[in-house]
Amino acid sequence: MTHPMSTIAHQTSTQVIRYVANPAFTLAILVFADDSRLLFEHSSREQRWAKASAEQSMADHCCQALHQFRLNAKHLQLFFTDDSDLEFVTPGAPTMPD
């Protein structure tokens, strides 16, 4: 089993400083410590992509390691090639009680 400290998800979580989504939850952005950005769109089956703002940046590294992502009103969830995943909860999103 992979140690959690060495996963792509953990590496990414330590570098992301902000997560923002539009009101419709069809566009989102992750801002990294190096000021690079990873942009997401999931507005339809045909319009689903992730793109880094700059090559050889933290955002680009994260984007290259992405296997899949999910964007909706609940969260942005990233699934990486090493089978780790990372979730960013939308501020103000309803949460399930414990």
PDB file of N, CA and C in Angstrom:
ATOM      1  N   MET A   1       0.841  -1.186   0.000  1.00  0.00           N
ATOM      2  CA  MET A   1       0.000   0.000   0.000  1.00  0.00           C
ATOM      3  C   MET A   1       0.887   1.251   0.000  1.00  0.00           C
ATOM      4  N   THR A   2       0.493   2.256  -0.741  1.00  0.00           N
ATOM      5  CA  THR A   2       1.245   3.496  -0.829  1.00  0.00           C
ATOM      6  C   THR A   2       1.054   4.312   0.444  1.00  0.00           C
ATOM      7  N   HIS A   3       2.141   4.835   0.961  1.00  0.00           N
ATOM      8  CA  HIS A   3       2.056   5.694   2.144  1.00  0.00           C
ATOM      9  C   HIS A   3       1.366   6.994   1.737  1.00  0.00           C
ATOM     10  N   PRO A   4       0.358   7.466   2.506  1.00  0.00           N
ATOM     11  CA  PRO A   4      -0.401   8.658   2.121  1.00  0.00           C
ATOM     12  C   PRO A   4       0.454   9.900   1.888  1.00  0.00           C
ATOM     13  N   MET A   5       1.590   9.994   2.549  1.00  0.00           N
ATOM     14  CA  MET A   5       2.432  11.180   2.393  1.00  0.00           C
ATOM     15  C   MET A   5       3.105  11.226   1.023  1.00  0.00           C
ATOM     16  N   SER A   6       3.132  10.096   0.315  1.00  0.00           N
ATOM     17  CA  SER A   6       3.825  10.060  -0.965  1.00  0.00           C
ATOM     18  C   SER A   6       2.866  10.046  -2.157  1.00  0.00           C
ATOM     19  N   THR A   7       1.589  10.215  -1.912  1.00  0.00           N
ATOM     20  CA  THR A   7       0.636  10.179  -3.018  1.00  0.00           C
ATOM     21  C   THR A   7       0.599  11.512  -3.752  1.00  0.00           C
ATOM     22  N   ILE A   8       0.147  11.445  -4.989  1.00  0.00           N
ATOM     23  CA  ILE A   8      -0.029  12.672  -5.763  1.00  0.00           C
ATOM     24  C   ILE A   8      -1.082  13.554  -5.082  1.00  0.00           C
ATOM     25  N   ALA A   9      -2.118  12.935  -4.535  1.00  0.00           N
ATOM     26  CA  ALA A   9      -3.157  13.702  -3.837  1.00  0.00           C
ATOM     27  C   ALA A   9      -2.565  14.499  -2.679  1.00  0.00           C
ATOM     28  N   HIS A  10      -1.715  13.877  -1.895  1.00  0.00           N
ATOM     29  CA  HIS A  10      -1.120  14.589  -0.764  1.00  0.00           C
ATOM     30  C   HIS A  10      -0.210  15.708  -1.243  1.00  0.00           C
ATOM     31  N   GLN A  11       0.614  15.427  -2.228  1.00  0.00           N
ATOM     32  CA  GLN A  11       1.505  16.453  -2.771  1.00  0.00           C
ATOM     33  C   GLN A  11       0.701  17.645  -3.276  1.00  0.00           C
ATOM     34  N   THR A  12      -0.392  17.364  -3.973  1.00  0.00           N
ATOM     35  CA  THR A  12      -1.246  18.427  -4.501  1.00  0.00           C
ATOM     36  C   THR A  12      -1.895  19.219  -3.367  1.00  0.00           C
ATOM     37  N   SER A  13      -2.402  18.515  -2.364  1.00  0.00           N
ATOM     38  CA  SER A  13      -3.097  19.203  -1.261  1.00  0.00           C
ATOM     39  C   SER A  13      -2.191  20.177  -0.530  1.00  0.00           C
ATOM     40  N   THR A  14      -0.906  19.900  -0.489  1.00  0.00           N
ATOM     41  CA  THR A  14       0.013  20.802   0.214  1.00  0.00           C
ATOM     42  C   THR A  14       0.350  22.040  -0.612  1.00  0.00           C
ATOM     43  N   GLN A  15       0.025  22.025  -1.905  1.00  0.00           N
ATOM     44  CA  GLN A  15       0.391  23.117  -2.798  1.00  0.00           C
ATOM     45  C   GLN A  15      -0.785  24.009  -3.210  1.00  0.00           C
ATOM     46  N   VAL A  16      -2.007  23.528  -3.044  1.00  0.00           N
ATOM     47  CA  VAL A  16      -3.180  24.325  -3.423  1.00  0.00           C
ATOM     48  C   VAL A  16      -3.475  25.348  -2.335  1.00  0.00           C
ATOM     49  N   ILE A  17      -3.615  26.614  -2.745  1.00  0.00           N
ATOM     50  CA  ILE A  17      -3.906  27.660  -1.758  1.00  0.00           C
ATOM     51  C   ILE A  17      -5.329  28.207  -1.868  1.00  0.00           C
ATOM     52  N   ARG A  18      -6.011  27.899  -2.984  1.00  0.00           N
ATOM     53  CA  ARG A  18      -7.389  28.394  -3.128  1.00  0.00           C
ATOM     54  C   ARG A  18      -8.145  27.554  -4.139  1.00  0.00           C
ATOM     55  N   TYR A  19      -9.446  27.366  -3.847  1.00  0.00           N
ATOM     56  CA  TYR A  19     -10.365  26.691  -4.751  1.00  0.00           C
ATOM     57  C   TYR A  19     -11.580  27.593  -4.936  1.00  0.00           C
ATOM     58  N   VAL A  20     -11.947  27.840  -6.185  1.00  0.00           N
ATOM     59  CA  VAL A  20     -13.110  28.675  -6.498  1.00  0.00           C
ATOM     60  C   VAL A  20     -13.899  27.995  -7.606  1.00  0.00           C
ATOM     61  N   ALA A  21     -15.233  28.012  -7.474  1.00  0.00           N
ATOM     62  CA  ALA A  21     -16.113  27.490  -8.526  1.00  0.00           C
ATOM     63  C   ALA A  21     -17.145  28.559  -8.870  1.00  0.00           C
ATOM     64  N   ASN A  22     -17.626  28.524 -10.107  1.00  0.00           N
ATOM     65  CA  ASN A  22     -18.663  29.477 -10.488  1.00  0.00           C
ATOM     66  C   ASN A  22     -20.004  29.040  -9.878  1.00  0.00           C
ATOM     67  N   PRO A  23     -21.015  29.908  -9.851  1.00  0.00           N
ATOM     68  CA  PRO A  23     -22.291  29.572  -9.212  1.00  0.00           C
ATOM     69  C   PRO A  23     -22.989  28.347  -9.806  1.00  0.00           C
ATOM     70  N   ALA A  24     -22.769  28.068 -11.078  1.00  0.00           N
ATOM     71  CA  ALA A  24     -23.394  26.909 -11.716  1.00  0.00           C
ATOM     72  C   ALA A  24     -22.577  25.628 -11.525  1.00  0.00           C
ATOM     73  N   PHE A  25     -21.384  25.754 -10.953  1.00  0.00           N
ATOM     74  CA  PHE A  25     -20.474  24.620 -10.746  1.00  0.00           C
ATOM     75  C   PHE A  25     -20.134  23.911 -12.052  1.00  0.00           C
ATOM     76  N   THR A  26     -19.946  24.703 -13.094  1.00  0.00           N
ATOM     77  CA  THR A  26     -19.506  24.167 -14.380  1.00  0.00           C
ATOM     78  C   THR A  26     -18.058  24.549 -14.670  1.00  0.00           C
ATOM     79  N   LEU A  27     -17.552  25.529 -13.944  1.00  0.00           N
ATOM     80  CA  LEU A  27     -16.164  25.978 -14.066  1.00  0.00           C
ATOM     81  C   LEU A  27     -15.558  26.069 -12.675  1.00  0.00           C
ATOM     82  N   ALA A  28     -14.290  25.699 -12.582  1.00  0.00           N
ATOM     83  CA  ALA A  28     -13.601  25.799 -11.291  1.00  0.00           C
ATOM     84  C   ALA A  28     -12.127  26.080 -11.546  1.00  0.00           C
ATOM     85  N   ILE A  29     -11.471  26.548 -10.496  1.00  0.00           N
ATOM     86  CA  ILE A  29     -10.050  26.852 -10.584  1.00  0.00           C
ATOM     87  C   ILE A  29      -9.377  26.483  -9.264  1.00  0.00           C
ATOM     88  N   LEU A  30      -8.201  25.889  -9.389  1.00  0.00           N
ATOM     89  CA  LEU A  30      -7.328  25.673  -8.240  1.00  0.00           C
ATOM     90  C   LEU A  30      -6.129  26.576  -8.425  1.00  0.00           C
ATOM     91  N   VAL A  31      -5.788  27.316  -7.385  1.00  0.00           N
ATOM     92  CA  VAL A  31      -4.615  28.187  -7.417  1.00  0.00           C
ATOM     93  C   VAL A  31      -3.549  27.530  -6.547  1.00  0.00           C
ATOM     94  N   PHE A  32      -2.343  27.418  -7.102  1.00  0.00           N
ATOM     95  CA  PHE A  32      -1.236  26.753  -6.423  1.00  0.00           C
ATOM     96  C   PHE A  32      -0.273  27.770  -5.818  1.00  0.00           C
ATOM     97  N   ALA A  33       0.575  27.292  -4.936  1.00  0.00           N
ATOM     98  CA  ALA A  33       1.530  28.149  -4.230  1.00  0.00           C
ATOM     99  C   ALA A  33       2.473  28.886  -5.173  1.00  0.00           C
ATOM    100  N   ASP A  34       2.743  28.332  -6.348  1.00  0.00           N
ATOM    101  CA  ASP A  34       3.617  29.009  -7.316  1.00  0.00           C
ATOM    102  C   ASP A  34       2.836  29.971  -8.213  1.00  0.00           C
ATOM    103  N   ASP A  35       1.585  30.231  -7.870  1.00  0.00           N
ATOM    104  CA  ASP A  35       0.665  31.115  -8.586  1.00  0.00           C
ATOM    105  C   ASP A  35       0.189  30.544  -9.923  1.00  0.00           C
ATOM    106  N   SER A  36       0.484  29.280 -10.187  1.00  0.00           N
ATOM    107  CA  SER A  36      -0.096  28.637 -11.373  1.00  0.00           C
ATOM    108  C   SER A  36      -1.529  28.240 -11.043  1.00  0.00           C
ATOM    109  N   ARG A  37      -2.300  27.996 -12.092  1.00  0.00           N
ATOM    110  CA  ARG A  37      -3.713  27.679 -11.923  1.00  0.00           C
ATOM    111  C   ARG A  37      -4.078  26.463 -12.749  1.00  0.00           C
ATOM    112  N   LEU A  38      -4.981  25.669 -12.185  1.00  0.00           N
ATOM    113  CA  LEU A  38      -5.532  24.539 -12.911  1.00  0.00           C
ATOM    114  C   LEU A  38      -7.008  24.836 -13.115  1.00  0.00           C
ATOM    115  N   LEU A  39      -7.401  24.951 -14.366  1.00  0.00           N
ATOM    116  CA  LEU A  39      -8.763  25.314 -14.737  1.00  0.00           C
ATOM    117  C   LEU A  39      -9.538  24.064 -15.104  1.00  0.00           C
ATOM    118  N   PHE A  40     -10.789  24.015 -14.687  1.00  0.00           N
ATOM    119  CA  PHE A  40     -11.666  22.879 -14.971  1.00  0.00           C
ATOM    120  C   PHE A  40     -12.949  23.375 -15.605  1.00  0.00           C
ATOM    121  N   GLU A  41     -13.451  22.631 -16.571  1.00  0.00           N
ATOM    122  CA  GLU A  41     -14.793  22.863 -17.090  1.00  0.00           C
ATOM    123  C   GLU A  41     -15.490  21.531 -17.204  1.00  0.00           C
ATOM    124  N   HIS A  42     -16.727  21.495 -16.730  1.00  0.00           N
ATOM    125  CA  HIS A  42     -17.589  20.331 -16.911  1.00  0.00           C
ATOM    126  C   HIS A  42     -19.010  20.847 -17.069  1.00  0.00           C
ATOM    127  N   SER A  43     -19.275  21.384 -18.251  1.00  0.00           N
ATOM    128  CA  SER A  43     -20.584  21.975 -18.516  1.00  0.00           C
ATOM    129  C   SER A  43     -21.485  21.052 -19.323  1.00  0.00           C
ATOM    130  N   SER A  44     -20.915  20.016 -19.913  1.00  0.00           N
ATOM    131  CA  SER A  44     -21.685  19.021 -20.660  1.00  0.00           C
ATOM    132  C   SER A  44     -20.795  17.813 -20.875  1.00  0.00           C
ATOM    133  N   ARG A  45     -21.355  16.782 -21.456  1.00  0.00           N
ATOM    134  CA  ARG A  45     -20.562  15.593 -21.743  1.00  0.00           C
ATOM    135  C   ARG A  45     -19.409  15.913 -22.700  1.00  0.00           C
ATOM    136  N   GLU A  46     -19.683  16.820 -23.635  1.00  0.00           N
ATOM    137  CA  GLU A  46     -18.678  17.200 -24.627  1.00  0.00           C
ATOM    138  C   GLU A  46     -17.689  18.241 -24.101  1.00  0.00           C
ATOM    139  N   GLN A  47     -18.107  19.008 -23.124  1.00  0.00           N
ATOM    140  CA  GLN A  47     -17.261  20.070 -22.554  1.00  0.00           C
ATOM    141  C   GLN A  47     -16.780  19.654 -21.169  1.00  0.00           C
ATOM    142  N   ARG A  48     -15.770  18.825 -21.149  1.00  0.00           N
ATOM    143  CA  ARG A  48     -15.199  18.350 -19.879  1.00  0.00           C
ATOM    144  C   ARG A  48     -13.690  18.311 -20.051  1.00  0.00           C
ATOM    145  N   TRP A  49     -12.989  19.229 -19.386  1.00  0.00           N
ATOM    146  CA  TRP A  49     -11.542  19.299 -19.537  1.00  0.00           C
ATOM    147  C   TRP A  49     -10.885  19.944 -18.318  1.00  0.00           C
ATOM    148  N   ALA A  50      -9.600  19.723 -18.218  1.00  0.00           N
ATOM    149  CA  ALA A  50      -8.756  20.379 -17.222  1.00  0.00           C
ATOM    150  C   ALA A  50      -7.523  20.885 -17.963  1.00  0.00           C
ATOM    151  N   LYS A  51      -7.080  22.096 -17.614  1.00  0.00           N
ATOM    152  CA  LYS A  51      -5.943  22.696 -18.308  1.00  0.00           C
ATOM    153  C   LYS A  51      -5.137  23.550 -17.330  1.00  0.00           C
ATOM    154  N   ALA A  52      -3.825  23.376 -17.374  1.00  0.00           N
ATOM    155  CA  ALA A  52      -2.931  24.168 -16.534  1.00  0.00           C
ATOM    156  C   ALA A  52      -2.632  25.501 -17.198  1.00  0.00           C
ATOM    157  N   SER A  53      -2.403  26.514 -16.379  1.00  0.00           N
ATOM    158  CA  SER A  53      -2.128  27.855 -16.893  1.00  0.00           C
ATOM    159  C   SER A  53      -0.713  27.999 -17.443  1.00  0.00           C
ATOM    160  N   ALA A  54       0.191  27.143 -17.010  1.00  0.00           N
ATOM    161  CA  ALA A  54       1.585  27.249 -17.456  1.00  0.00           C
ATOM    162  C   ALA A  54       2.243  25.872 -17.457  1.00  0.00           C
ATOM    163  N   GLU A  55       3.086  25.643 -18.431  1.00  0.00           N
ATOM    164  CA  GLU A  55       3.835  24.393 -18.488  1.00  0.00           C
ATOM    165  C   GLU A  55       4.881  24.362 -17.381  1.00  0.00           C
ATOM    166  N   GLN A  56       5.218  23.162 -16.949  1.00  0.00           N
ATOM    167  CA  GLN A  56       6.230  22.929 -15.921  1.00  0.00           C
ATOM    168  C   GLN A  56       5.954  23.699 -14.635  1.00  0.00           C
ATOM    169  N   SER A  57       4.699  23.798 -14.277  1.00  0.00           N
ATOM    170  CA  SER A  57       4.270  24.449 -13.038  1.00  0.00           C
ATOM    171  C   SER A  57       3.650  23.382 -12.130  1.00  0.00           C
ATOM    172  N   MET A  58       3.314  23.782 -10.927  1.00  0.00           N
ATOM    173  CA  MET A  58       2.617  22.864 -10.024  1.00  0.00           C
ATOM    174  C   MET A  58       1.278  22.444 -10.612  1.00  0.00           C
ATOM    175  N   ALA A  59       0.576  23.385 -11.228  1.00  0.00           N
ATOM    176  CA  ALA A  59      -0.713  23.065 -11.855  1.00  0.00           C
ATOM    177  C   ALA A  59      -0.524  22.069 -12.991  1.00  0.00           C
ATOM    178  N   ASP A  60       0.515  22.242 -13.775  1.00  0.00           N
ATOM    179  CA  ASP A  60       0.792  21.335 -14.883  1.00  0.00           C
ATOM    180  C   ASP A  60       1.117  19.934 -14.366  1.00  0.00           C
ATOM    181  N   HIS A  61       1.913  19.857 -13.316  1.00  0.00           N
ATOM    182  CA  HIS A  61       2.247  18.558 -12.711  1.00  0.00           C
ATOM    183  C   HIS A  61       0.975  17.850 -12.256  1.00  0.00           C
ATOM    184  N   CYS A  62       0.099  18.578 -11.590  1.00  0.00           N
ATOM    185  CA  CYS A  62      -1.170  18.021 -11.124  1.00  0.00           C
ATOM    186  C   CYS A  62      -2.023  17.573 -12.309  1.00  0.00           C
ATOM    187  N   CYS A  63      -2.111  18.406 -13.325  1.00  0.00           N
ATOM    188  CA  CYS A  63      -2.928  18.104 -14.497  1.00  0.00           C
ATOM    189  C   CYS A  63      -2.415  16.845 -15.212  1.00  0.00           C
ATOM    190  N   GLN A  64      -1.109  16.727 -15.343  1.00  0.00           N
ATOM    191  CA  GLN A  64      -0.516  15.560 -16.007  1.00  0.00           C
ATOM    192  C   GLN A  64      -0.794  14.271 -15.241  1.00  0.00           C
ATOM    193  N   ALA A  65      -0.956  14.383 -13.925  1.00  0.00           N
ATOM    194  CA  ALA A  65      -1.195  13.210 -13.078  1.00  0.00           C
ATOM    195  C   ALA A  65      -2.676  12.875 -12.920  1.00  0.00           C
ATOM    196  N   LEU A  66      -3.560  13.723 -13.446  1.00  0.00           N
ATOM    197  CA  LEU A  66      -5.008  13.484 -13.330  1.00  0.00           C
ATOM    198  C   LEU A  66      -5.449  12.315 -14.199  1.00  0.00           C
ATOM    199  N   HIS A  67      -6.257  11.479 -13.614  1.00  0.00           N
ATOM    200  CA  HIS A  67      -6.886  10.393 -14.365  1.00  0.00           C
ATOM    201  C   HIS A  67      -8.320  10.794 -14.723  1.00  0.00           C
ATOM    202  N   GLN A  68      -8.976  11.479 -13.793  1.00  0.00           N
ATOM    203  CA  GLN A  68     -10.376  11.878 -13.951  1.00  0.00           C
ATOM    204  C   GLN A  68     -10.681  12.936 -12.901  1.00  0.00           C
ATOM    205  N   PHE A  69     -11.763  13.700 -13.131  1.00  0.00           N
ATOM    206  CA  PHE A  69     -12.232  14.627 -12.097  1.00  0.00           C
ATOM    207  C   PHE A  69     -13.742  14.676 -12.108  1.00  0.00           C
ATOM    208  N   ARG A  70     -14.277  15.108 -10.974  1.00  0.00           N
ATOM    209  CA  ARG A  70     -15.726  15.290 -10.821  1.00  0.00           C
ATOM    210  C   ARG A  70     -15.932  16.698 -10.278  1.00  0.00           C
ATOM    211  N   LEU A  71     -16.805  17.464 -10.934  1.00  0.00           N
ATOM    212  CA  LEU A  71     -17.112  18.828 -10.505  1.00  0.00           C
ATOM    213  C   LEU A  71     -18.620  18.967 -10.403  1.00  0.00           C
ATOM    214  N   ASN A  72     -19.092  19.315  -9.209  1.00  0.00           N
ATOM    215  CA  ASN A  72     -20.521  19.550  -8.998  1.00  0.00           C
ATOM    216  C   ASN A  72     -20.693  20.458  -7.786  1.00  0.00           C
ATOM    217  N   ALA A  73     -21.920  20.703  -7.396  1.00  0.00           N
ATOM    218  CA  ALA A  73     -22.193  21.630  -6.288  1.00  0.00           C
ATOM    219  C   ALA A  73     -21.633  21.134  -4.961  1.00  0.00           C
ATOM    220  N   LYS A  74     -21.413  19.848  -4.842  1.00  0.00           N
ATOM    221  CA  LYS A  74     -20.886  19.288  -3.607  1.00  0.00           C
ATOM    222  C   LYS A  74     -19.377  19.495  -3.492  1.00  0.00           C
ATOM    223  N   HIS A  75     -18.658  19.260  -4.610  1.00  0.00           N
ATOM    224  CA  HIS A  75     -17.195  19.278  -4.528  1.00  0.00           C
ATOM    225  C   HIS A  75     -16.519  19.221  -5.899  1.00  0.00           C
ATOM    226  N   LEU A  76     -15.218  19.426  -5.867  1.00  0.00           N
ATOM    227  CA  LEU A  76     -14.328  19.104  -6.971  1.00  0.00           C
ATOM    228  C   LEU A  76     -13.509  17.935  -6.462  1.00  0.00           C
ATOM    229  N   GLN A  77     -13.615  16.819  -7.126  1.00  0.00           N
ATOM    230  CA  GLN A  77     -12.862  15.644  -6.709  1.00  0.00           C
ATOM    231  C   GLN A  77     -11.913  15.248  -7.825  1.00  0.00           C
ATOM    232  N   LEU A  78     -10.653  15.077  -7.455  1.00  0.00           N
ATOM    233  CA  LEU A  78      -9.611  14.728  -8.406  1.00  0.00           C
ATOM    234  C   LEU A  78      -9.186  13.287  -8.179  1.00  0.00           C
ATOM    235  N   PHE A  79      -9.066  12.535  -9.252  1.00  0.00           N
ATOM    236  CA  PHE A  79      -8.609  11.151  -9.204  1.00  0.00           C
ATOM    237  C   PHE A  79      -7.300  11.075  -9.983  1.00  0.00           C
ATOM    238  N   PHE A  80      -6.253  10.573  -9.334  1.00  0.00           N
ATOM    239  CA  PHE A  80      -4.919  10.586  -9.919  1.00  0.00           C
ATOM    240  C   PHE A  80      -4.490   9.208 -10.417  1.00  0.00           C
ATOM    241  N   THR A  81      -3.460   9.216 -11.236  1.00  0.00           N
ATOM    242  CA  THR A  81      -2.960   7.988 -11.853  1.00  0.00           C
ATOM    243  C   THR A  81      -2.383   7.003 -10.843  1.00  0.00           C
ATOM    244  N   ASP A  82      -2.026   7.456  -9.640  1.00  0.00           N
ATOM    245  CA  ASP A  82      -1.513   6.544  -8.610  1.00  0.00           C
ATOM    246  C   ASP A  82      -2.640   6.001  -7.726  1.00  0.00           C
ATOM    247  N   ASP A  83      -3.898   6.187  -8.158  1.00  0.00           N
ATOM    248  CA  ASP A  83      -5.102   5.725  -7.447  1.00  0.00           C
ATOM    249  C   ASP A  83      -5.414   6.517  -6.188  1.00  0.00           C
ATOM    250  N   SER A  84      -4.731   7.625  -5.964  1.00  0.00           N
ATOM    251  CA  SER A  84      -5.100   8.500  -4.850  1.00  0.00           C
ATOM    252  C   SER A  84      -6.141   9.493  -5.354  1.00  0.00           C
ATOM    253  N   ASP A  85      -6.863  10.107  -4.427  1.00  0.00           N
ATOM    254  CA  ASP A  85      -7.839  11.117  -4.815  1.00  0.00           C
ATOM    255  C   ASP A  85      -7.860  12.231  -3.784  1.00  0.00           C
ATOM    256  N   LEU A  86      -8.388  13.357  -4.208  1.00  0.00           N
ATOM    257  CA  LEU A  86      -8.394  14.560  -3.385  1.00  0.00           C
ATOM    258  C   LEU A  86      -9.692  15.300  -3.629  1.00  0.00           C
ATOM    259  N   GLU A  87     -10.280  15.815  -2.559  1.00  0.00           N
ATOM    260  CA  GLU A  87     -11.566  16.507  -2.661  1.00  0.00           C
ATOM    261  C   GLU A  87     -11.430  17.934  -2.148  1.00  0.00           C
ATOM    262  N   PHE A  88     -12.006  18.852  -2.904  1.00  0.00           N
ATOM    263  CA  PHE A  88     -12.122  20.250  -2.488  1.00  0.00           C
ATOM    264  C   PHE A  88     -13.604  20.527  -2.345  1.00  0.00           C
ATOM    265  N   VAL A  89     -14.016  20.887  -1.137  1.00  0.00           N
ATOM    266  CA  VAL A  89     -15.425  21.136  -0.864  1.00  0.00           C
ATOM    267  C   VAL A  89     -15.746  22.573  -1.203  1.00  0.00           C
ATOM    268  N   THR A  90     -16.846  22.744  -1.877  1.00  0.00           N
ATOM    269  CA  THR A  90     -17.296  24.068  -2.274  1.00  0.00           C
ATOM    270  C   THR A  90     -17.738  24.836  -1.036  1.00  0.00           C
ATOM    271  N   PRO A  91     -17.193  26.033  -0.828  1.00  0.00           N
ATOM    272  CA  PRO A  91     -17.618  26.823   0.331  1.00  0.00           C
ATOM    273  C   PRO A  91     -19.132  27.019   0.323  1.00  0.00           C
ATOM    274  N   GLY A  92     -19.752  26.748   1.454  1.00  0.00           N
ATOM    275  CA  GLY A  92     -21.198  26.928   1.568  1.00  0.00           C
ATOM    276  C   GLY A  92     -22.009  25.757   1.064  1.00  0.00           C
ATOM    277  N   ALA A  93     -21.342  24.691   0.588  1.00  0.00           N
ATOM    278  CA  ALA A  93     -22.071  23.519   0.097  1.00  0.00           C
ATOM    279  C   ALA A  93     -22.691  22.781   1.287  1.00  0.00           C
ATOM    280  N   PRO A  94     -23.862  22.213   1.079  1.00  0.00           N
ATOM    281  CA  PRO A  94     -24.469  21.450   2.165  1.00  0.00           C
ATOM    282  C   PRO A  94     -23.632  20.214   2.477  1.00  0.00           C
ATOM    283  N   THR A  95     -23.527  19.869   3.725  1.00  0.00           N
ATOM    284  CA  THR A  95     -22.770  18.682   4.120  1.00  0.00           C
ATOM    285  C   THR A  95     -23.697  17.697   4.802  1.00  0.00           C
ATOM    286  N   MET A  96     -23.328  16.451   4.760  1.00  0.00           N
ATOM    287  CA  MET A  96     -24.099  15.410   5.413  1.00  0.00           C
ATOM    288  C   MET A  96     -23.745  15.407   6.902  1.00  0.00           C
ATOM    289  N   PRO A  97     -24.743  15.238   7.784  1.00  0.00           N
ATOM    290  CA  PRO A  97     -24.441  15.171   9.216  1.00  0.00           C
ATOM    291  C   PRO A  97     -23.639  13.907   9.530  1.00  0.00           C
ATOM    292  N   ASP A  98     -22.813  13.980  10.567  1.00  0.00           N
ATOM    293  CA  ASP A  98     -21.999  12.814  10.961  1.00  0.00           C
ATOM    294  C   ASP A  98     -22.847  11.715  11.543  1.00  0.00           C
TER     295      ASP A  98
END
